[in-house]
């Protein structure tokens, strides 16, 4: 019998976790023949709620779900993990400065990073979903130097999905016709959805849309501010779409990328496109289907794109400097 893939999910009883777990258990990432084992981490006050989630997973009778373990113990949660999805984080609250947000999340992601290194499987890979995800990923990775840097990812796929949907609606096509769309930089309002290298039904997105003012204006700001717009409309932050993006991200990192496409994900920069080394920064990635990935090299960046990427890179560098100053990351 095939050995189950063990997946650790933190913040498992939260909104995103609740939307995510049933998709994972149904085979949405690894397909209809790969068994799954789940280890679900929550803080002690949320364990009762997590117990109810586990009951629901049991009641779904997923054929692929071999085992579920709910715990508040890091050692138990990360033991043998092949994939760790770090979803739980502390959101920014009224009156909280960004430095306060980074410090409190450091208290979460530092020990989780150590737990990945100490208890995870030899092939463990990590996707950070909890915001601010780029810098939380940097904190966790810095706490686990023995885990290779190319196994750490932060989620920008939600932004990619949002951008593809906006382009598809504008062009009156199916979203599957939109390819090669990358999100550069931070998962924040400075991110840059790169329309110039995207295609729609095999043609340049700019050519198909035919409205450069919209592409450089409303398109970018809609994607950048989509999360805030959802909070304003729904009264809650994105949950189902964030969970879906986490599924898409892991699937995109597991399966081979089509030649005309890319996976948008924040990875550890090696200096590609002149970006600072060591930052966890959104870039276009291609995957070989055997566990390896590289940053896609043939993106053309004009002056407009480079300025937008500079702004978001500067924000990430500022966040890095803050967490270094807080002692969460070594300089």
C-alpha atoms as a PDB file:
ATOM      1  CA  UNK A   1       0.000   0.000   0.000  1.00  0.00           C
ATOM      2  CA  UNK A   2       1.236   3.495  -0.823  1.00  0.00           C
ATOM      3  CA  UNK A   3       2.621   5.342   2.190  1.00  0.00           C
ATOM      4  CA  UNK A   4       0.395   8.337   2.973  1.00  0.00           C
ATOM      5  CA  UNK A   5       1.718  11.841   2.393  1.00  0.00           C
ATOM      6  CA  UNK A   6       1.769  13.512   5.784  1.00  0.00           C
ATOM      7  CA  UNK A   7       0.531  17.100   5.817  1.00  0.00           C
ATOM      8  CA  UNK A   8       0.723  19.395   8.812  1.00  0.00           C
ATOM      9  CA  UNK A   9      -1.747  22.281   8.903  1.00  0.00           C
ATOM     10  CA  UNK A  10      -1.457  24.986  11.561  1.00  0.00           C
ATOM     11  CA  UNK A  11      -4.376  27.149  12.608  1.00  0.00           C
ATOM     12  CA  UNK A  12      -6.478  24.204  11.503  1.00  0.00           C
ATOM     13  CA  UNK A  13      -9.713  25.291  13.197  1.00  0.00           C
ATOM     14  CA  UNK A  14      -9.615  28.786  11.720  1.00  0.00           C
ATOM     15  CA  UNK A  15     -11.548  30.050   8.732  1.00  0.00           C
ATOM     16  CA  UNK A  16      -8.902  29.190   6.144  1.00  0.00           C
ATOM     17  CA  UNK A  17      -8.032  25.908   7.824  1.00  0.00           C
ATOM     18  CA  UNK A  18     -11.670  24.852   7.854  1.00  0.00           C
ATOM     19  CA  UNK A  19     -11.988  25.614   4.145  1.00  0.00           C
ATOM     20  CA  UNK A  20      -8.685  23.877   3.375  1.00  0.00           C
ATOM     21  CA  UNK A  21      -8.806  20.558   5.184  1.00  0.00           C
ATOM     22  CA  UNK A  22     -11.708  18.994   3.319  1.00  0.00           C
ATOM     23  CA  UNK A  23     -10.141  19.864  -0.041  1.00  0.00           C
ATOM     24  CA  UNK A  24      -6.858  18.240   0.978  1.00  0.00           C
ATOM     25  CA  UNK A  25      -8.611  15.136   2.302  1.00  0.00           C
ATOM     26  CA  UNK A  26     -10.598  14.758  -0.923  1.00  0.00           C
ATOM     27  CA  UNK A  27      -7.406  14.487  -2.994  1.00  0.00           C
ATOM     28  CA  UNK A  28      -7.403  17.967  -4.518  1.00  0.00           C
ATOM     29  CA  UNK A  29      -3.610  18.306  -4.292  1.00  0.00           C
ATOM     30  CA  UNK A  30      -2.052  14.894  -4.853  1.00  0.00           C
ATOM     31  CA  UNK A  31      -4.772  13.229  -6.885  1.00  0.00           C
ATOM     32  CA  UNK A  32      -7.345  10.459  -6.452  1.00  0.00           C
ATOM     33  CA  UNK A  33      -4.928   7.623  -5.650  1.00  0.00           C
ATOM     34  CA  UNK A  34      -2.571   9.138  -3.069  1.00  0.00           C
ATOM     35  CA  UNK A  35      -3.489   8.569   0.589  1.00  0.00           C
ATOM     36  CA  UNK A  36      -3.231  11.481   3.032  1.00  0.00           C
ATOM     37  CA  UNK A  37      -2.424  11.731   6.726  1.00  0.00           C
ATOM     38  CA  UNK A  38      -3.282  14.993   8.490  1.00  0.00           C
ATOM     39  CA  UNK A  39      -1.709  16.467  11.605  1.00  0.00           C
ATOM     40  CA  UNK A  40      -3.633  19.511  12.764  1.00  0.00           C
ATOM     41  CA  UNK A  41      -2.133  22.117  15.086  1.00  0.00           C
ATOM     42  CA  UNK A  42      -4.096  24.614  17.156  1.00  0.00           C
ATOM     43  CA  UNK A  43      -3.571  26.677  20.269  1.00  0.00           C
ATOM     44  CA  UNK A  44      -5.007  25.138  23.415  1.00  0.00           C
ATOM     45  CA  UNK A  45      -8.119  27.410  23.609  1.00  0.00           C
ATOM     46  CA  UNK A  46      -9.143  26.299  20.099  1.00  0.00           C
ATOM     47  CA  UNK A  47      -8.778  22.556  20.671  1.00  0.00           C
ATOM     48  CA  UNK A  48     -12.492  22.058  21.346  1.00  0.00           C
ATOM     49  CA  UNK A  49     -13.336  23.656  18.018  1.00  0.00           C
ATOM     50  CA  UNK A  50     -10.688  21.536  16.312  1.00  0.00           C
ATOM     51  CA  UNK A  51     -12.274  18.436  17.821  1.00  0.00           C
ATOM     52  CA  UNK A  52     -15.458  19.312  15.932  1.00  0.00           C
ATOM     53  CA  UNK A  53     -13.499  19.737  12.699  1.00  0.00           C
ATOM     54  CA  UNK A  54     -12.005  16.280  13.132  1.00  0.00           C
ATOM     55  CA  UNK A  55     -15.498  14.873  13.685  1.00  0.00           C
ATOM     56  CA  UNK A  56     -16.597  16.389  10.389  1.00  0.00           C
ATOM     57  CA  UNK A  57     -13.572  14.962   8.605  1.00  0.00           C
ATOM     58  CA  UNK A  58     -14.502  11.553   9.998  1.00  0.00           C
ATOM     59  CA  UNK A  59     -18.096  12.000   8.884  1.00  0.00           C
ATOM     60  CA  UNK A  60     -17.048  12.796   5.311  1.00  0.00           C
ATOM     61  CA  UNK A  61     -15.556   9.272   5.053  1.00  0.00           C
ATOM     62  CA  UNK A  62     -12.871  10.379   2.605  1.00  0.00           C
ATOM     63  CA  UNK A  63     -11.362   7.216   1.073  1.00  0.00           C
ATOM     64  CA  UNK A  64      -7.902   8.790   0.873  1.00  0.00           C
ATOM     65  CA  UNK A  65      -7.767  10.055   4.451  1.00  0.00           C
ATOM     66  CA  UNK A  66      -5.847   7.478   6.470  1.00  0.00           C
ATOM     67  CA  UNK A  67      -5.334   9.320   9.741  1.00  0.00           C
ATOM     68  CA  UNK A  68      -6.083  12.623  11.507  1.00  0.00           C
ATOM     69  CA  UNK A  69      -4.294  13.793  14.620  1.00  0.00           C
ATOM     70  CA  UNK A  70      -5.291  17.006  16.401  1.00  0.00           C
ATOM     71  CA  UNK A  71      -2.780  18.536  18.796  1.00  0.00           C
ATOM     72  CA  UNK A  72      -1.423  21.697  20.395  1.00  0.00           C
ATOM     73  CA  UNK A  73       2.067  20.150  20.647  1.00  0.00           C
ATOM     74  CA  UNK A  74       4.576  21.243  17.980  1.00  0.00           C
ATOM     75  CA  UNK A  75       6.544  18.009  18.235  1.00  0.00           C
ATOM     76  CA  UNK A  76       3.448  15.929  17.523  1.00  0.00           C
ATOM     77  CA  UNK A  77       2.146  18.254  14.821  1.00  0.00           C
ATOM     78  CA  UNK A  78       5.324  18.314  12.732  1.00  0.00           C
ATOM     79  CA  UNK A  79       6.526  14.746  13.283  1.00  0.00           C
ATOM     80  CA  UNK A  80       7.197  13.202   9.883  1.00  0.00           C
ATOM     81  CA  UNK A  81       5.649  16.070   7.913  1.00  0.00           C
ATOM     82  CA  UNK A  82       6.251  15.941   4.162  1.00  0.00           C
ATOM     83  CA  UNK A  83       4.391  19.223   3.696  1.00  0.00           C
ATOM     84  CA  UNK A  84       3.717  21.854   6.347  1.00  0.00           C
ATOM     85  CA  UNK A  85       1.069  24.474   5.607  1.00  0.00           C
ATOM     86  CA  UNK A  86       1.560  27.281   8.118  1.00  0.00           C
ATOM     87  CA  UNK A  87      -1.851  28.924   8.078  1.00  0.00           C
ATOM     88  CA  UNK A  88      -2.284  30.227  11.623  1.00  0.00           C
ATOM     89  CA  UNK A  89      -1.047  33.748  12.329  1.00  0.00           C
ATOM     90  CA  UNK A  90      -2.059  36.846  14.275  1.00  0.00           C
ATOM     91  CA  UNK A  91      -3.885  39.440  12.140  1.00  0.00           C
ATOM     92  CA  UNK A  92      -3.194  43.124  12.536  1.00  0.00           C
ATOM     93  CA  UNK A  93      -5.552  44.681  15.050  1.00  0.00           C
ATOM     94  CA  UNK A  94      -6.640  48.252  15.698  1.00  0.00           C
ATOM     95  CA  UNK A  95      -3.809  50.315  17.141  1.00  0.00           C
ATOM     96  CA  UNK A  96      -1.173  47.696  16.307  1.00  0.00           C
ATOM     97  CA  UNK A  97       1.955  48.990  14.602  1.00  0.00           C
ATOM     98  CA  UNK A  98       3.521  46.835  11.893  1.00  0.00           C
ATOM     99  CA  UNK A  99       6.506  46.187  14.156  1.00  0.00           C
ATOM    100  CA  UNK A 100       4.125  44.847  16.810  1.00  0.00           C
ATOM    101  CA  UNK A 101       2.547  42.571  14.203  1.00  0.00           C
ATOM    102  CA  UNK A 102       5.923  41.238  13.093  1.00  0.00           C
ATOM    103  CA  UNK A 103       7.022  40.662  16.692  1.00  0.00           C
ATOM    104  CA  UNK A 104       3.918  38.739  17.744  1.00  0.00           C
ATOM    105  CA  UNK A 105       4.034  36.597  14.614  1.00  0.00           C
ATOM    106  CA  UNK A 106       7.708  35.970  15.238  1.00  0.00           C
ATOM    107  CA  UNK A 107       6.628  34.265  18.435  1.00  0.00           C
ATOM    108  CA  UNK A 108       4.603  31.867  16.276  1.00  0.00           C
ATOM    109  CA  UNK A 109       6.865  31.285  13.283  1.00  0.00           C
ATOM    110  CA  UNK A 110      10.230  31.022  15.042  1.00  0.00           C
ATOM    111  CA  UNK A 111       9.230  27.917  17.037  1.00  0.00           C
ATOM    112  CA  UNK A 112       7.320  26.479  14.095  1.00  0.00           C
ATOM    113  CA  UNK A 113      10.410  26.855  11.919  1.00  0.00           C
ATOM    114  CA  UNK A 114      12.450  24.981  14.526  1.00  0.00           C
ATOM    115  CA  UNK A 115       9.777  22.296  14.713  1.00  0.00           C
ATOM    116  CA  UNK A 116       9.939  21.829  10.930  1.00  0.00           C
ATOM    117  CA  UNK A 117      13.684  21.250  11.192  1.00  0.00           C
ATOM    118  CA  UNK A 118      13.579  19.028  14.263  1.00  0.00           C
ATOM    119  CA  UNK A 119      10.561  16.854  13.531  1.00  0.00           C
ATOM    120  CA  UNK A 120       9.723  17.100   9.825  1.00  0.00           C
ATOM    121  CA  UNK A 121      10.517  14.416   7.260  1.00  0.00           C
ATOM    122  CA  UNK A 122      13.809  14.550   5.365  1.00  0.00           C
ATOM    123  CA  UNK A 123      11.955  15.879   2.304  1.00  0.00           C
ATOM    124  CA  UNK A 124       9.780  18.387   4.190  1.00  0.00           C
ATOM    125  CA  UNK A 125       8.502  21.427   2.295  1.00  0.00           C
ATOM    126  CA  UNK A 126       6.778  24.439   3.785  1.00  0.00           C
ATOM    127  CA  UNK A 127       4.128  26.848   2.504  1.00  0.00           C
ATOM    128  CA  UNK A 128       3.440  29.888   4.671  1.00  0.00           C
ATOM    129  CA  UNK A 129      -0.096  31.205   4.265  1.00  0.00           C
ATOM    130  CA  UNK A 130      -0.496  33.245   7.468  1.00  0.00           C
ATOM    131  CA  UNK A 131       0.144  36.951   6.918  1.00  0.00           C
ATOM    132  CA  UNK A 132       2.424  38.802   6.607  1.00  0.00           C
ATOM    133  CA  UNK A 133       3.346  35.596   4.814  1.00  0.00           C
ATOM    134  CA  UNK A 134       6.579  36.649   3.054  1.00  0.00           C
ATOM    135  CA  UNK A 135       8.229  37.838   6.241  1.00  0.00           C
ATOM    136  CA  UNK A 136       6.700  35.103   8.386  1.00  0.00           C
ATOM    137  CA  UNK A 137       8.295  32.654   5.949  1.00  0.00           C
ATOM    138  CA  UNK A 138      11.628  34.440   6.301  1.00  0.00           C
ATOM    139  CA  UNK A 139      11.386  34.179  10.096  1.00  0.00           C
ATOM    140  CA  UNK A 140      10.531  30.470  10.015  1.00  0.00           C
ATOM    141  CA  UNK A 141      13.225  29.671   7.441  1.00  0.00           C
ATOM    142  CA  UNK A 142      15.856  31.575   9.402  1.00  0.00           C
ATOM    143  CA  UNK A 143      14.994  29.443  12.437  1.00  0.00           C
ATOM    144  CA  UNK A 144      15.651  26.250  10.486  1.00  0.00           C
ATOM    145  CA  UNK A 145      18.925  26.736   8.592  1.00  0.00           C
ATOM    146  CA  UNK A 146      19.376  22.980   8.144  1.00  0.00           C
ATOM    147  CA  UNK A 147      16.285  22.838   5.894  1.00  0.00           C
ATOM    148  CA  UNK A 148      17.300  23.955   2.375  1.00  0.00           C
ATOM    149  CA  UNK A 149      16.075  27.423   1.410  1.00  0.00           C
ATOM    150  CA  UNK A 150      14.461  26.119  -1.774  1.00  0.00           C
ATOM    151  CA  UNK A 151      11.888  24.205   0.287  1.00  0.00           C
ATOM    152  CA  UNK A 152      10.307  27.323   1.802  1.00  0.00           C
ATOM    153  CA  UNK A 153       7.460  29.138   0.062  1.00  0.00           C
ATOM    154  CA  UNK A 154       5.038  31.967   0.837  1.00  0.00           C
ATOM    155  CA  UNK A 155       1.687  32.258  -0.878  1.00  0.00           C
ATOM    156  CA  UNK A 156       1.110  34.761  -3.654  1.00  0.00           C
ATOM    157  CA  UNK A 157      -1.163  32.422  -5.614  1.00  0.00           C
ATOM    158  CA  UNK A 158      -4.308  34.089  -4.295  1.00  0.00           C
ATOM    159  CA  UNK A 159      -3.120  37.286  -5.960  1.00  0.00           C
ATOM    160  CA  UNK A 160      -2.370  35.392  -9.169  1.00  0.00           C
ATOM    161  CA  UNK A 161      -5.843  33.871  -9.161  1.00  0.00           C
ATOM    162  CA  UNK A 162      -7.409  37.279  -8.559  1.00  0.00           C
ATOM    163  CA  UNK A 163      -5.404  38.821 -11.389  1.00  0.00           C
ATOM    164  CA  UNK A 164      -6.239  36.017 -13.827  1.00  0.00           C
ATOM    165  CA  UNK A 165      -9.919  36.373 -13.013  1.00  0.00           C
ATOM    166  CA  UNK A 166      -9.834  40.129 -13.634  1.00  0.00           C
ATOM    167  CA  UNK A 167      -8.112  39.691 -17.000  1.00  0.00           C
ATOM    168  CA  UNK A 168     -10.474  36.895 -18.049  1.00  0.00           C
ATOM    169  CA  UNK A 169     -13.548  38.941 -17.202  1.00  0.00           C
ATOM    170  CA  UNK A 170     -12.203  41.963 -19.063  1.00  0.00           C
ATOM    171  CA  UNK A 171     -11.383  39.853 -22.127  1.00  0.00           C
ATOM    172  CA  UNK A 172     -14.657  37.869 -21.942  1.00  0.00           C
ATOM    173  CA  UNK A 173     -12.843  34.528 -21.907  1.00  0.00           C
ATOM    174  CA  UNK A 174     -12.532  31.625 -19.512  1.00  0.00           C
ATOM    175  CA  UNK A 175      -9.952  32.036 -16.772  1.00  0.00           C
ATOM    176  CA  UNK A 176      -8.137  28.972 -18.116  1.00  0.00           C
ATOM    177  CA  UNK A 177      -7.153  31.035 -21.169  1.00  0.00           C
ATOM    178  CA  UNK A 178      -4.977  33.313 -19.010  1.00  0.00           C
ATOM    179  CA  UNK A 179      -1.399  32.049 -18.661  1.00  0.00           C
ATOM    180  CA  UNK A 180       2.041  33.152 -17.504  1.00  0.00           C
ATOM    181  CA  UNK A 181       0.829  35.732 -14.999  1.00  0.00           C
ATOM    182  CA  UNK A 182       3.269  36.398 -12.168  1.00  0.00           C
ATOM    183  CA  UNK A 183       2.907  38.319  -8.937  1.00  0.00           C
ATOM    184  CA  UNK A 184       6.114  40.090  -8.014  1.00  0.00           C
ATOM    185  CA  UNK A 185       7.080  41.059  -4.488  1.00  0.00           C
ATOM    186  CA  UNK A 186       5.128  41.124  -1.268  1.00  0.00           C
ATOM    187  CA  UNK A 187       1.655  39.752  -0.551  1.00  0.00           C
ATOM    188  CA  UNK A 188       0.499  43.248   0.323  1.00  0.00           C
ATOM    189  CA  UNK A 189      -0.905  46.330  -1.344  1.00  0.00           C
ATOM    190  CA  UNK A 190       2.500  46.917  -2.995  1.00  0.00           C
ATOM    191  CA  UNK A 191       2.473  43.655  -4.968  1.00  0.00           C
ATOM    192  CA  UNK A 192       2.810  43.904  -8.741  1.00  0.00           C
ATOM    193  CA  UNK A 193       0.577  41.720 -10.943  1.00  0.00           C
ATOM    194  CA  UNK A 194       2.621  41.467 -14.148  1.00  0.00           C
ATOM    195  CA  UNK A 195       0.192  41.790 -17.050  1.00  0.00           C
ATOM    196  CA  UNK A 196       2.851  42.526 -19.677  1.00  0.00           C
ATOM    197  CA  UNK A 197       4.234  38.976 -19.692  1.00  0.00           C
ATOM    198  CA  UNK A 198       0.823  37.323 -19.370  1.00  0.00           C
ATOM    199  CA  UNK A 199      -1.023  35.783 -22.280  1.00  0.00           C
ATOM    200  CA  UNK A 200      -4.706  35.337 -23.090  1.00  0.00           C
ATOM    201  CA  UNK A 201      -5.516  32.479 -25.470  1.00  0.00           C
ATOM    202  CA  UNK A 202      -1.883  32.489 -26.579  1.00  0.00           C
ATOM    203  CA  UNK A 203      -1.694  36.211 -27.350  1.00  0.00           C
ATOM    204  CA  UNK A 204      -0.211  39.061 -25.344  1.00  0.00           C
ATOM    205  CA  UNK A 205      -2.636  40.107 -22.615  1.00  0.00           C
ATOM    206  CA  UNK A 206      -1.880  43.752 -23.368  1.00  0.00           C
ATOM    207  CA  UNK A 207      -2.798  43.208 -27.014  1.00  0.00           C
ATOM    208  CA  UNK A 208      -6.009  41.346 -26.191  1.00  0.00           C
ATOM    209  CA  UNK A 209      -7.171  43.850 -23.574  1.00  0.00           C
ATOM    210  CA  UNK A 210      -6.162  46.856 -25.670  1.00  0.00           C
ATOM    211  CA  UNK A 211      -6.420  49.319 -22.789  1.00  0.00           C
ATOM    212  CA  UNK A 212      -3.046  50.152 -21.269  1.00  0.00           C
ATOM    213  CA  UNK A 213      -4.555  52.744 -18.927  1.00  0.00           C
ATOM    214  CA  UNK A 214      -6.818  50.101 -17.366  1.00  0.00           C
ATOM    215  CA  UNK A 215      -3.977  47.581 -17.108  1.00  0.00           C
ATOM    216  CA  UNK A 216      -1.646  50.081 -15.425  1.00  0.00           C
ATOM    217  CA  UNK A 217      -4.414  51.527 -13.278  1.00  0.00           C
ATOM    218  CA  UNK A 218      -7.630  49.829 -12.183  1.00  0.00           C
ATOM    219  CA  UNK A 219      -6.404  46.315 -12.913  1.00  0.00           C
ATOM    220  CA  UNK A 220      -3.417  46.633 -10.584  1.00  0.00           C
ATOM    221  CA  UNK A 221      -5.256  48.450  -7.805  1.00  0.00           C
ATOM    222  CA  UNK A 222      -8.176  45.995  -7.929  1.00  0.00           C
ATOM    223  CA  UNK A 223      -5.813  43.080  -7.389  1.00  0.00           C
ATOM    224  CA  UNK A 224      -3.796  44.909  -4.738  1.00  0.00           C
ATOM    225  CA  UNK A 225      -6.873  45.911  -2.749  1.00  0.00           C
ATOM    226  CA  UNK A 226      -9.047  42.857  -3.329  1.00  0.00           C
ATOM    227  CA  UNK A 227      -8.563  41.515   0.185  1.00  0.00           C
ATOM    228  CA  UNK A 228      -9.701  44.782   1.732  1.00  0.00           C
ATOM    229  CA  UNK A 229     -12.706  44.903  -0.617  1.00  0.00           C
ATOM    230  CA  UNK A 230     -13.761  41.413   0.486  1.00  0.00           C
ATOM    231  CA  UNK A 231     -13.499  42.389   4.144  1.00  0.00           C
ATOM    232  CA  UNK A 232     -15.624  45.453   3.433  1.00  0.00           C
ATOM    233  CA  UNK A 233     -18.276  43.380   1.607  1.00  0.00           C
ATOM    234  CA  UNK A 234     -18.259  40.228   3.711  1.00  0.00           C
ATOM    235  CA  UNK A 235     -17.215  41.538   7.093  1.00  0.00           C
ATOM    236  CA  UNK A 236     -14.548  38.821   7.195  1.00  0.00           C
ATOM    237  CA  UNK A 237     -11.291  38.223   5.403  1.00  0.00           C
ATOM    238  CA  UNK A 238     -10.834  35.856   2.454  1.00  0.00           C
ATOM    239  CA  UNK A 239     -11.083  32.245   3.573  1.00  0.00           C
ATOM    240  CA  UNK A 240     -12.347  29.878   0.863  1.00  0.00           C
ATOM    241  CA  UNK A 241     -10.370  31.666  -1.868  1.00  0.00           C
ATOM    242  CA  UNK A 242      -7.233  31.670   0.309  1.00  0.00           C
ATOM    243  CA  UNK A 243      -7.644  27.947   0.989  1.00  0.00           C
ATOM    244  CA  UNK A 244      -8.154  27.330  -2.725  1.00  0.00           C
ATOM    245  CA  UNK A 245      -4.977  29.276  -3.475  1.00  0.00           C
ATOM    246  CA  UNK A 246      -3.033  27.164  -0.969  1.00  0.00           C
ATOM    247  CA  UNK A 247      -4.268  24.052  -2.788  1.00  0.00           C
ATOM    248  CA  UNK A 248      -3.260  25.580  -6.127  1.00  0.00           C
ATOM    249  CA  UNK A 249       0.170  26.530  -4.792  1.00  0.00           C
ATOM    250  CA  UNK A 250       1.107  23.083  -3.535  1.00  0.00           C
ATOM    251  CA  UNK A 251      -0.322  21.431  -6.652  1.00  0.00           C
ATOM    252  CA  UNK A 252       1.679  23.862  -8.766  1.00  0.00           C
ATOM    253  CA  UNK A 253       4.867  22.965  -6.890  1.00  0.00           C
ATOM    254  CA  UNK A 254       4.233  19.226  -7.207  1.00  0.00           C
ATOM    255  CA  UNK A 255       3.232  19.010 -10.873  1.00  0.00           C
ATOM    256  CA  UNK A 256       5.216  19.955 -13.963  1.00  0.00           C
ATOM    257  CA  UNK A 257       4.577  23.485 -15.237  1.00  0.00           C
ATOM    258  CA  UNK A 258       3.334  23.824 -18.801  1.00  0.00           C
ATOM    259  CA  UNK A 259       5.854  25.520 -21.144  1.00  0.00           C
ATOM    260  CA  UNK A 260       3.560  28.520 -21.704  1.00  0.00           C
ATOM    261  CA  UNK A 261       2.811  29.094 -18.024  1.00  0.00           C
ATOM    262  CA  UNK A 262       4.342  29.775 -14.616  1.00  0.00           C
ATOM    263  CA  UNK A 263       3.597  29.321 -10.941  1.00  0.00           C
ATOM    264  CA  UNK A 264       3.452  32.502  -8.915  1.00  0.00           C
ATOM    265  CA  UNK A 265       4.906  31.943  -5.457  1.00  0.00           C
ATOM    266  CA  UNK A 266       7.234  33.739  -3.061  1.00  0.00           C
ATOM    267  CA  UNK A 267      10.593  31.970  -2.869  1.00  0.00           C
ATOM    268  CA  UNK A 268      14.038  32.699  -1.474  1.00  0.00           C
ATOM    269  CA  UNK A 269      15.751  35.034  -3.908  1.00  0.00           C
ATOM    270  CA  UNK A 270      19.114  33.985  -5.298  1.00  0.00           C
ATOM    271  CA  UNK A 271      19.538  37.337  -7.002  1.00  0.00           C
ATOM    272  CA  UNK A 272      17.353  36.605 -10.024  1.00  0.00           C
ATOM    273  CA  UNK A 273      16.304  39.713 -11.964  1.00  0.00           C
ATOM    274  CA  UNK A 274      18.720  41.716  -9.779  1.00  0.00           C
ATOM    275  CA  UNK A 275      16.572  41.245  -6.662  1.00  0.00           C
ATOM    276  CA  UNK A 276      18.260  41.168  -3.239  1.00  0.00           C
ATOM    277  CA  UNK A 277      19.438  37.722  -2.224  1.00  0.00           C
ATOM    278  CA  UNK A 278      17.751  36.109   0.754  1.00  0.00           C
ATOM    279  CA  UNK A 279      14.401  37.896   0.595  1.00  0.00           C
ATOM    280  CA  UNK A 280      11.250  35.784   0.372  1.00  0.00           C
ATOM    281  CA  UNK A 281       9.829  37.461  -2.691  1.00  0.00           C
ATOM    282  CA  UNK A 282       7.126  36.668  -5.229  1.00  0.00           C
ATOM    283  CA  UNK A 283       8.450  35.643  -8.640  1.00  0.00           C
ATOM    284  CA  UNK A 284       7.451  33.449 -11.604  1.00  0.00           C
ATOM    285  CA  UNK A 285       8.569  29.852 -11.087  1.00  0.00           C
ATOM    286  CA  UNK A 286       8.598  26.746 -13.266  1.00  0.00           C
ATOM    287  CA  UNK A 287       8.545  23.223 -11.804  1.00  0.00           C
ATOM    288  CA  UNK A 288       9.899  19.992 -13.292  1.00  0.00           C
ATOM    289  CA  UNK A 289       7.370  17.662 -11.626  1.00  0.00           C
ATOM    290  CA  UNK A 290      10.141  15.803  -9.781  1.00  0.00           C
ATOM    291  CA  UNK A 291      10.496  18.206  -6.860  1.00  0.00           C
ATOM    292  CA  UNK A 292      12.779  20.863  -8.353  1.00  0.00           C
ATOM    293  CA  UNK A 293      11.912  24.415  -9.394  1.00  0.00           C
ATOM    294  CA  UNK A 294      13.659  27.421 -10.919  1.00  0.00           C
ATOM    295  CA  UNK A 295      12.702  31.046 -11.414  1.00  0.00           C
ATOM    296  CA  UNK A 296      11.484  31.549 -14.976  1.00  0.00           C
ATOM    297  CA  UNK A 297      14.107  33.570 -16.799  1.00  0.00           C
ATOM    298  CA  UNK A 298      12.524  35.062 -19.899  1.00  0.00           C
ATOM    299  CA  UNK A 299      10.244  37.708 -18.383  1.00  0.00           C
ATOM    300  CA  UNK A 300      10.723  41.119 -19.986  1.00  0.00           C
ATOM    301  CA  UNK A 301      10.492  43.977 -17.496  1.00  0.00           C
ATOM    302  CA  UNK A 302      10.045  47.516 -18.784  1.00  0.00           C
ATOM    303  CA  UNK A 303      10.636  50.671 -16.757  1.00  0.00           C
ATOM    304  CA  UNK A 304       7.051  50.650 -15.439  1.00  0.00           C
ATOM    305  CA  UNK A 305       7.377  47.072 -14.180  1.00  0.00           C
ATOM    306  CA  UNK A 306      10.812  47.625 -12.668  1.00  0.00           C
ATOM    307  CA  UNK A 307       9.576  50.620 -10.685  1.00  0.00           C
ATOM    308  CA  UNK A 308       6.620  48.652  -9.314  1.00  0.00           C
ATOM    309  CA  UNK A 309       8.920  45.776  -8.396  1.00  0.00           C
ATOM    310  CA  UNK A 310      11.330  48.195  -6.721  1.00  0.00           C
ATOM    311  CA  UNK A 311       8.546  49.551  -4.495  1.00  0.00           C
ATOM    312  CA  UNK A 312       7.422  46.112  -3.303  1.00  0.00           C
ATOM    313  CA  UNK A 313      11.022  44.918  -2.896  1.00  0.00           C
ATOM    314  CA  UNK A 314      11.824  47.943  -0.757  1.00  0.00           C
ATOM    315  CA  UNK A 315       8.858  47.100   1.469  1.00  0.00           C
ATOM    316  CA  UNK A 316      10.101  43.540   1.922  1.00  0.00           C
ATOM    317  CA  UNK A 317      13.614  44.760   2.670  1.00  0.00           C
ATOM    318  CA  UNK A 318      12.181  47.125   5.286  1.00  0.00           C
ATOM    319  CA  UNK A 319      10.257  44.256   6.904  1.00  0.00           C
ATOM    320  CA  UNK A 320      13.420  42.149   6.913  1.00  0.00           C
ATOM    321  CA  UNK A 321      15.327  44.949   8.593  1.00  0.00           C
ATOM    322  CA  UNK A 322      12.590  45.222  11.210  1.00  0.00           C
ATOM    323  CA  UNK A 323      12.658  41.533  12.104  1.00  0.00           C
ATOM    324  CA  UNK A 324      16.449  41.601  12.200  1.00  0.00           C
ATOM    325  CA  UNK A 325      16.205  44.517  14.640  1.00  0.00           C
ATOM    326  CA  UNK A 326      13.698  42.539  16.714  1.00  0.00           C
ATOM    327  CA  UNK A 327      16.110  39.610  16.898  1.00  0.00           C
ATOM    328  CA  UNK A 328      13.774  37.331  14.941  1.00  0.00           C
ATOM    329  CA  UNK A 329      16.190  36.900  12.037  1.00  0.00           C
ATOM    330  CA  UNK A 330      19.991  36.988  12.133  1.00  0.00           C
ATOM    331  CA  UNK A 331      21.611  39.688  10.009  1.00  0.00           C
END
